[in-house]
N, C-alpha and C. Protein backbone atom coordinates (compact mmCIF):
# COMPACT_ATOMS: atom_id res chain seq x y z
N MET A 1 166.09 -66.79 -6.66
CA MET A 1 164.66 -66.97 -6.58
C MET A 1 164.16 -67.64 -7.87
N THR A 2 163.33 -68.66 -7.74
CA THR A 2 162.79 -69.34 -8.93
C THR A 2 161.74 -68.48 -9.59
N ASP A 3 161.39 -68.84 -10.82
CA ASP A 3 160.33 -68.11 -11.53
C ASP A 3 159.02 -68.17 -10.75
N ALA A 4 158.71 -69.34 -10.21
CA ALA A 4 157.47 -69.49 -9.44
C ALA A 4 157.47 -68.59 -8.22
N GLU A 5 158.59 -68.54 -7.52
CA GLU A 5 158.69 -67.67 -6.34
C GLU A 5 158.57 -66.20 -6.73
N LEU A 6 159.15 -65.83 -7.85
CA LEU A 6 159.07 -64.46 -8.33
C LEU A 6 157.63 -64.07 -8.62
N ILE A 7 156.90 -64.95 -9.30
CA ILE A 7 155.50 -64.68 -9.61
C ILE A 7 154.67 -64.55 -8.33
N LEU A 8 154.85 -65.48 -7.41
CA LEU A 8 154.09 -65.44 -6.16
C LEU A 8 154.42 -64.19 -5.36
N ARG A 9 155.68 -63.81 -5.31
CA ARG A 9 156.10 -62.61 -4.59
C ARG A 9 155.45 -61.37 -5.21
N LYS A 10 155.43 -61.31 -6.55
CA LYS A 10 154.83 -60.17 -7.23
C LYS A 10 153.34 -60.09 -6.94
N ILE A 11 152.65 -61.23 -6.97
CA ILE A 11 151.23 -61.24 -6.64
C ILE A 11 151.01 -60.71 -5.23
N ALA A 12 151.79 -61.19 -4.28
CA ALA A 12 151.65 -60.75 -2.89
C ALA A 12 151.94 -59.26 -2.76
N ASP A 13 152.98 -58.77 -3.39
CA ASP A 13 153.34 -57.36 -3.29
C ASP A 13 152.26 -56.46 -3.89
N VAL A 14 151.79 -56.82 -5.07
CA VAL A 14 150.74 -56.02 -5.71
C VAL A 14 149.46 -56.08 -4.87
N ALA A 15 149.11 -57.26 -4.39
CA ALA A 15 147.89 -57.42 -3.59
C ALA A 15 147.95 -56.59 -2.32
N ASN A 16 149.09 -56.59 -1.65
CA ASN A 16 149.23 -55.78 -0.44
C ASN A 16 149.14 -54.29 -0.74
N THR A 17 149.75 -53.86 -1.81
CA THR A 17 149.71 -52.44 -2.19
C THR A 17 148.29 -52.01 -2.55
N VAL A 18 147.63 -52.78 -3.41
CA VAL A 18 146.27 -52.44 -3.81
C VAL A 18 145.33 -52.52 -2.61
N GLY A 19 145.49 -53.54 -1.80
CA GLY A 19 144.66 -53.68 -0.61
C GLY A 19 144.81 -52.51 0.34
N PHE A 20 146.03 -52.07 0.56
CA PHE A 20 146.29 -50.93 1.44
C PHE A 20 145.57 -49.68 0.94
N HIS A 21 145.68 -49.42 -0.36
CA HIS A 21 145.11 -48.19 -0.92
C HIS A 21 143.60 -48.27 -1.11
N SER A 22 143.06 -49.48 -1.22
CA SER A 22 141.62 -49.61 -1.46
C SER A 22 140.83 -49.95 -0.20
N GLY A 23 141.52 -50.31 0.86
CA GLY A 23 140.82 -50.70 2.08
C GLY A 23 140.24 -52.10 2.01
N GLU A 24 140.74 -52.89 1.08
CA GLU A 24 140.30 -54.28 0.92
C GLU A 24 141.42 -55.20 1.40
N PRO A 25 141.06 -56.41 1.86
CA PRO A 25 142.09 -57.35 2.31
C PRO A 25 142.99 -57.78 1.14
N GLY A 26 144.29 -57.80 1.38
CA GLY A 26 145.24 -58.22 0.36
C GLY A 26 144.99 -59.63 -0.13
N ILE A 27 144.49 -60.50 0.76
CA ILE A 27 144.24 -61.89 0.35
C ILE A 27 143.13 -61.96 -0.70
N GLU A 28 142.17 -61.06 -0.62
CA GLU A 28 141.10 -61.00 -1.63
C GLU A 28 141.68 -60.57 -2.98
N ILE A 29 142.54 -59.58 -2.94
CA ILE A 29 143.15 -59.07 -4.16
C ILE A 29 144.07 -60.13 -4.77
N ALA A 30 144.83 -60.85 -3.93
CA ALA A 30 145.73 -61.90 -4.42
C ALA A 30 144.94 -62.98 -5.14
N GLY A 31 143.83 -63.38 -4.57
CA GLY A 31 142.98 -64.39 -5.22
C GLY A 31 142.45 -63.91 -6.55
N HIS A 32 142.08 -62.65 -6.59
CA HIS A 32 141.59 -62.02 -7.81
C HIS A 32 142.66 -62.05 -8.91
N ILE A 33 143.88 -61.68 -8.55
CA ILE A 33 145.00 -61.69 -9.50
C ILE A 33 145.31 -63.12 -9.95
N LEU A 34 145.43 -64.03 -9.00
CA LEU A 34 145.74 -65.42 -9.32
C LEU A 34 144.68 -66.02 -10.24
N SER A 35 143.42 -65.79 -9.93
CA SER A 35 142.31 -66.30 -10.73
C SER A 35 142.44 -65.89 -12.19
N SER A 36 142.76 -64.63 -12.41
CA SER A 36 142.88 -64.12 -13.77
C SER A 36 144.13 -64.65 -14.48
N LEU A 37 145.24 -64.74 -13.76
CA LEU A 37 146.48 -65.22 -14.39
C LEU A 37 146.42 -66.71 -14.71
N VAL A 38 145.72 -67.49 -13.91
CA VAL A 38 145.56 -68.92 -14.20
C VAL A 38 144.79 -69.11 -15.50
N THR A 39 143.76 -68.31 -15.69
CA THR A 39 142.95 -68.42 -16.90
C THR A 39 143.64 -67.81 -18.11
N ASN A 40 144.48 -66.82 -17.87
CA ASN A 40 145.13 -66.09 -18.97
C ASN A 40 146.64 -66.03 -18.73
N PRO A 41 147.33 -67.17 -18.79
CA PRO A 41 148.77 -67.19 -18.48
C PRO A 41 149.61 -66.32 -19.41
N GLU A 42 149.08 -65.97 -20.56
CA GLU A 42 149.81 -65.08 -21.46
C GLU A 42 150.03 -63.70 -20.85
N ASN A 43 149.30 -63.38 -19.77
CA ASN A 43 149.45 -62.09 -19.10
C ASN A 43 150.47 -62.09 -17.97
N ILE A 44 151.06 -63.25 -17.67
CA ILE A 44 151.99 -63.34 -16.54
C ILE A 44 153.21 -62.43 -16.74
N GLU A 45 153.84 -62.51 -17.89
CA GLU A 45 155.03 -61.68 -18.14
C GLU A 45 154.70 -60.20 -18.02
N ARG A 46 153.59 -59.81 -18.60
CA ARG A 46 153.17 -58.41 -18.52
C ARG A 46 152.90 -58.01 -17.07
N PHE A 47 152.27 -58.90 -16.30
CA PHE A 47 152.00 -58.62 -14.89
C PHE A 47 153.30 -58.41 -14.12
N LEU A 48 154.31 -59.22 -14.41
CA LEU A 48 155.58 -59.09 -13.71
C LEU A 48 156.24 -57.74 -13.97
N VAL A 49 155.99 -57.18 -15.14
CA VAL A 49 156.57 -55.88 -15.49
C VAL A 49 155.68 -54.73 -15.04
N GLU A 50 154.37 -54.84 -15.30
CA GLU A 50 153.47 -53.71 -15.11
C GLU A 50 152.68 -53.74 -13.80
N GLY A 51 152.56 -54.90 -13.19
CA GLY A 51 151.87 -55.00 -11.90
C GLY A 51 150.46 -54.47 -11.90
N THR A 52 150.21 -53.42 -11.11
CA THR A 52 148.85 -52.91 -10.91
C THR A 52 148.19 -52.40 -12.18
N GLU A 53 148.98 -52.08 -13.19
CA GLU A 53 148.40 -51.56 -14.43
C GLU A 53 147.37 -52.52 -15.02
N LEU A 54 147.58 -53.83 -14.85
CA LEU A 54 146.63 -54.80 -15.38
C LEU A 54 145.29 -54.77 -14.66
N LEU A 55 145.28 -54.27 -13.44
CA LEU A 55 144.02 -54.05 -12.73
C LEU A 55 143.36 -52.77 -13.24
N HIS A 56 144.16 -51.75 -13.46
CA HIS A 56 143.63 -50.47 -13.94
C HIS A 56 143.00 -50.58 -15.32
N ASP A 57 143.64 -51.33 -16.22
CA ASP A 57 143.10 -51.43 -17.58
C ASP A 57 142.13 -52.60 -17.74
N ARG A 58 141.82 -53.26 -16.62
CA ARG A 58 140.83 -54.35 -16.54
C ARG A 58 141.26 -55.61 -17.30
N THR A 59 142.56 -55.75 -17.59
CA THR A 59 143.05 -57.02 -18.10
C THR A 59 142.78 -58.09 -17.04
N ILE A 60 143.04 -57.73 -15.78
CA ILE A 60 142.70 -58.60 -14.65
C ILE A 60 141.37 -58.12 -14.09
N ASN A 61 140.35 -58.94 -14.24
CA ASN A 61 139.05 -58.63 -13.65
C ASN A 61 138.34 -59.94 -13.30
N PHE A 62 137.30 -59.84 -12.52
CA PHE A 62 136.61 -61.04 -12.05
C PHE A 62 136.12 -61.92 -13.20
N GLU A 63 135.58 -61.31 -14.22
CA GLU A 63 135.00 -62.08 -15.33
C GLU A 63 136.05 -62.86 -16.12
N ASN A 64 137.30 -62.41 -16.08
CA ASN A 64 138.37 -63.10 -16.82
C ASN A 64 139.05 -64.18 -16.00
N GLY A 65 138.56 -64.45 -14.81
CA GLY A 65 139.24 -65.38 -13.92
C GLY A 65 138.73 -66.79 -13.97
N SER A 66 139.24 -67.59 -13.03
CA SER A 66 138.87 -69.00 -12.93
C SER A 66 138.17 -69.33 -11.61
N LEU A 67 138.26 -68.43 -10.63
CA LEU A 67 137.68 -68.69 -9.32
C LEU A 67 136.33 -68.01 -9.18
N THR A 68 135.44 -68.62 -8.39
CA THR A 68 134.15 -68.00 -8.14
C THR A 68 134.35 -66.71 -7.35
N TYR A 69 133.37 -65.83 -7.48
CA TYR A 69 133.41 -64.57 -6.73
C TYR A 69 131.98 -64.18 -6.33
N ARG A 70 131.87 -63.29 -5.34
CA ARG A 70 130.57 -62.86 -4.86
C ARG A 70 130.19 -61.55 -5.55
N ALA A 71 129.02 -61.57 -6.19
CA ALA A 71 128.50 -60.37 -6.84
C ALA A 71 127.96 -59.41 -5.78
N MET A 72 127.68 -58.20 -6.17
CA MET A 72 127.19 -57.21 -5.22
C MET A 72 125.85 -57.62 -4.60
N ASN A 73 125.07 -58.46 -5.31
CA ASN A 73 123.79 -58.91 -4.77
C ASN A 73 123.94 -60.14 -3.87
N GLY A 74 125.19 -60.58 -3.64
CA GLY A 74 125.46 -61.71 -2.78
C GLY A 74 125.54 -63.05 -3.50
N GLU A 75 125.19 -63.07 -4.76
CA GLU A 75 125.22 -64.30 -5.56
C GLU A 75 126.66 -64.74 -5.82
N ILE A 76 126.90 -66.05 -5.78
CA ILE A 76 128.21 -66.60 -6.13
C ILE A 76 128.23 -66.80 -7.64
N ILE A 77 129.21 -66.20 -8.28
CA ILE A 77 129.32 -66.21 -9.74
C ILE A 77 130.45 -67.15 -10.17
N PHE A 78 130.17 -67.95 -11.17
CA PHE A 78 131.17 -68.81 -11.80
C PHE A 78 131.60 -68.10 -13.09
N PRO A 79 132.83 -67.60 -13.14
CA PRO A 79 133.26 -66.79 -14.29
C PRO A 79 133.08 -67.47 -15.64
N GLY A 80 133.37 -68.77 -15.71
CA GLY A 80 133.22 -69.48 -16.99
C GLY A 80 131.79 -69.47 -17.48
N GLU A 81 130.84 -69.64 -16.57
CA GLU A 81 129.42 -69.59 -16.95
C GLU A 81 129.03 -68.18 -17.38
N ARG A 82 129.56 -67.19 -16.70
CA ARG A 82 129.28 -65.79 -17.06
C ARG A 82 129.80 -65.49 -18.46
N ARG A 83 131.03 -65.98 -18.76
CA ARG A 83 131.60 -65.75 -20.10
C ARG A 83 130.76 -66.43 -21.17
N LYS A 84 130.33 -67.68 -20.89
CA LYS A 84 129.50 -68.40 -21.87
C LYS A 84 128.21 -67.62 -22.14
N GLY A 85 127.62 -67.08 -21.07
CA GLY A 85 126.39 -66.31 -21.20
C GLY A 85 126.56 -65.06 -22.05
N LYS A 86 127.76 -64.53 -22.05
CA LYS A 86 128.07 -63.34 -22.85
C LYS A 86 128.61 -63.71 -24.23
N GLY A 87 128.70 -65.02 -24.52
CA GLY A 87 129.21 -65.47 -25.80
C GLY A 87 130.70 -65.41 -25.91
N GLN A 88 131.41 -65.30 -24.78
CA GLN A 88 132.86 -65.26 -24.79
C GLN A 88 133.40 -66.67 -24.62
N VAL A 89 134.52 -66.94 -25.24
CA VAL A 89 135.15 -68.25 -25.13
C VAL A 89 136.38 -68.14 -24.26
N GLN A 90 136.51 -69.07 -23.29
CA GLN A 90 137.71 -69.18 -22.46
C GLN A 90 137.59 -70.39 -21.59
């Protein structure tokens, strides 16, 4: 298995596990994980070892990602703009 296949498999496995336990679709969780890892590739190795722990400790969260997401009020949020508004650089 190539490194890329290993990473994708791990994302899918973690997303399915978290989705099952949370009642959320795995595809939503996979996008959430991918979004964060694309923006923060330094977390890929840790994700491969620790998996869901990065969700628990909020290393992987919507604000740290690269993909838009829907806020609880229905608004579409652009993470980069949100980070700029908070004075964070990424």
